[in-house]
Protein backbone atom coordinates (compact mmCIF):
# COMPACT_ATOMS: atom_id res chain seq x y z
CA MET A 1 125.65 75.75 111.46
CA SER A 2 124.02 78.79 109.86
CA MET A 3 120.32 79.06 109.10
CA LYS A 4 119.17 79.94 105.61
CA LYS A 5 117.96 83.51 105.26
CA LYS A 6 114.35 83.71 104.18
CA ILE A 7 113.17 86.05 101.42
CA SER A 8 109.54 86.99 100.78
CA VAL A 9 109.11 87.91 97.11
CA LEU A 10 106.11 90.20 96.57
CA ALA A 11 104.45 89.79 93.19
CA PRO A 12 102.33 92.68 91.87
CA ASP A 13 99.83 90.23 90.29
CA LEU A 14 100.00 86.44 90.20
CA SER A 15 97.53 86.11 87.34
CA GLY A 16 99.32 87.77 84.45
CA GLY A 17 102.21 87.09 82.12
CA GLY A 18 104.48 89.34 84.19
CA VAL A 19 104.55 86.75 86.95
CA THR A 20 107.09 84.75 84.94
CA ARG A 21 109.71 87.30 86.04
CA VAL A 22 108.67 86.75 89.66
CA TYR A 23 109.14 82.99 89.32
CA LEU A 24 112.56 83.43 87.67
CA LEU A 25 113.76 85.80 90.40
CA ALA A 26 112.53 83.40 93.09
CA GLU A 27 114.32 80.51 91.40
CA VAL A 28 117.59 82.48 91.24
CA LEU A 29 117.28 83.32 94.94
CA GLN A 30 116.72 79.62 95.73
CA LYS A 31 119.85 78.72 93.76
CA LEU A 32 121.73 81.28 95.88
CA ASN A 33 120.64 79.18 98.88
CA TYR A 34 117.83 81.37 100.22
CA ASP A 35 114.55 80.03 101.53
CA VAL A 36 112.02 81.75 99.23
CA LYS A 37 108.29 82.31 99.42
CA VAL A 38 106.31 84.19 96.76
CA VAL A 39 103.41 86.28 98.10
CA GLY A 40 100.82 88.29 96.21
CA CYS A 41 97.33 88.84 94.88
CA ALA A 42 95.71 87.22 91.88
CA PHE A 43 93.43 89.73 90.20
CA ARG A 44 92.09 86.99 87.91
CA GLN A 45 91.96 83.30 88.69
CA PRO A 46 93.53 80.86 88.24
CA LEU A 47 97.16 81.77 88.78
CA TYR A 48 98.72 82.19 85.36
CA PRO A 49 101.15 80.86 84.50
CA PRO A 50 100.93 78.29 87.27
CA PRO A 51 103.88 78.37 89.66
CA PRO A 52 106.61 75.74 89.40
CA SER A 53 106.14 72.94 91.92
CA TYR A 54 109.39 73.79 93.73
CA LEU A 55 108.20 77.30 94.70
CA THR A 56 106.13 78.13 97.75
CA VAL A 57 103.41 80.56 96.66
CA GLU A 58 100.81 82.11 98.96
CA TRP A 59 98.14 84.28 97.40
CA ILE A 60 94.80 85.89 97.98
CA PRO A 61 92.24 87.16 95.46
CA GLY A 62 92.89 90.74 94.35
CA SER A 63 90.23 93.43 94.25
CA ASP A 64 89.77 97.14 93.65
CA TYR A 65 89.91 99.85 96.31
CA PRO A 66 88.46 100.15 98.92
CA GLN A 67 88.11 96.34 99.24
CA PHE A 68 91.83 95.95 98.48
CA ILE A 69 92.65 97.50 101.87
CA GLY A 70 91.47 94.27 103.53
CA ALA A 71 93.67 92.26 101.17
CA ILE A 72 96.67 94.35 102.22
CA TRP A 73 96.22 93.25 105.83
CA GLN A 74 96.02 89.58 104.76
CA LEU A 75 99.18 89.89 102.64
CA LEU A 76 101.11 91.56 105.47
CA GLN A 77 100.44 88.46 107.60
CA LYS A 78 101.95 86.19 104.92
CA ILE A 79 105.23 88.13 104.58
CA ASP A 80 107.67 86.47 106.96
CA GLY A 81 111.04 86.79 105.24
CA ASP A 82 114.21 88.28 106.70
CA ILE A 83 114.32 90.29 103.46
CA ILE A 84 111.37 91.67 101.48
CA TYR A 85 111.88 91.57 97.70
CA ALA A 86 109.30 93.72 95.86
CA VAL A 87 108.89 93.09 92.14
CA LYS A 88 107.88 96.31 90.34
CA PRO A 89 107.18 99.69 91.97
CA ARG A 90 103.42 99.17 92.37
CA PRO A 91 101.04 99.53 95.32
CA THR A 92 100.47 95.75 95.19
CA SER A 93 104.18 94.99 95.68
CA LEU A 94 106.35 97.93 96.76
CA GLY A 95 103.48 99.64 98.61
CA ILE A 96 102.85 96.52 100.67
CA ALA A 97 106.60 95.99 101.17
CA VAL A 98 106.94 99.50 102.63
CA LEU A 99 104.05 98.86 105.03
CA LYS A 100 105.71 95.59 106.14
CA LYS A 101 109.03 97.41 106.59
CA LEU A 102 107.32 99.95 108.85
CA GLN A 103 105.92 97.03 110.90
CA SER A 104 109.02 94.84 111.00
CA ARG A 105 112.04 96.99 110.04
CA LYS A 106 113.06 94.30 107.50
CA PRO A 107 115.10 95.50 104.50
CA ILE A 108 113.49 95.87 101.07
CA ILE A 109 114.98 95.07 97.68
CA LEU A 110 113.11 96.56 94.70
CA ASP A 111 113.24 94.99 91.24
CA ILE A 112 112.37 97.47 88.49
CA ASP A 113 111.91 96.35 84.90
CA ASN A 114 114.05 98.37 82.50
CA TRP A 115 110.98 99.96 80.93
CA GLU A 116 107.99 99.44 83.18
CA MET A 117 105.66 101.71 81.18
CA SER A 118 106.29 100.07 77.79
CA TRP A 119 102.95 98.20 78.01
CA PHE A 120 101.10 101.53 78.28
CA GLY A 121 102.74 103.57 75.52
CA GLY A 122 106.07 104.26 77.17
CA ASP A 123 107.13 107.86 77.66
CA ASN A 124 104.12 109.06 75.65
CA TRP A 125 101.55 107.86 78.21
CA ARG A 126 99.86 110.67 80.15
CA TYR A 127 96.97 111.02 82.52
CA TYR A 128 95.36 114.30 81.54
CA VAL A 129 93.89 115.86 84.66
CA LYS A 130 90.50 117.47 84.33
CA PRO A 131 88.74 118.05 87.66
CA LYS A 132 85.48 116.31 86.71
CA GLN A 133 87.26 113.30 85.21
CA LEU A 134 89.61 113.02 88.20
CA LEU A 135 86.65 112.94 90.59
CA ARG A 136 84.94 110.28 88.47
CA ASP A 137 88.13 108.20 88.36
CA ILE A 138 88.41 108.32 92.15
CA ILE A 139 84.78 108.13 93.28
CA LYS A 140 82.93 105.95 90.76
CA SER A 141 82.95 102.20 91.39
CA ASP A 142 84.54 101.63 87.96
CA GLY A 143 86.94 104.59 88.25
CA VAL A 144 90.49 103.85 87.12
CA PHE A 145 92.03 104.91 90.45
CA ARG A 146 90.04 102.16 92.20
CA ASN A 147 92.24 99.62 90.43
CA PRO A 148 95.51 99.02 92.36
CA GLN A 149 97.07 97.84 89.08
CA TYR A 150 96.34 101.10 87.21
CA GLN A 151 99.46 102.30 85.37
CA TRP A 152 99.44 105.76 87.00
CA TYR A 153 100.54 104.13 90.25
């Protein structure tokens, strides 16, 4: 008798409309006879949309850097799949998946939306680097690079 393989699906944010894709992917994996657990941060509460009752979802509150570093450690403890499935190439999903792979040597699958940047202006979006602005964006408490969900990542 073979044991079901377990997949940990890493959501970039469990409190936004994009999480619907995470739930659909998890459901497909369940139908393919995998044991699935969704793991991620919620940068706003409550979880939205709420997860279907048949999905196991473990989450922690999201935050900006440097506080987010503590959240990373908590998320790494929740990832226990034989396979790590990162949804979107973001620090909050793929970044954490890579750290878990370094710890556990588990394989990673990456799901990339066909046009990830469409919400931010598509191919026209640019971060114009000016030294003073870059320093502000990194150092100030409300700087854009403090946000792990910032589109530059």
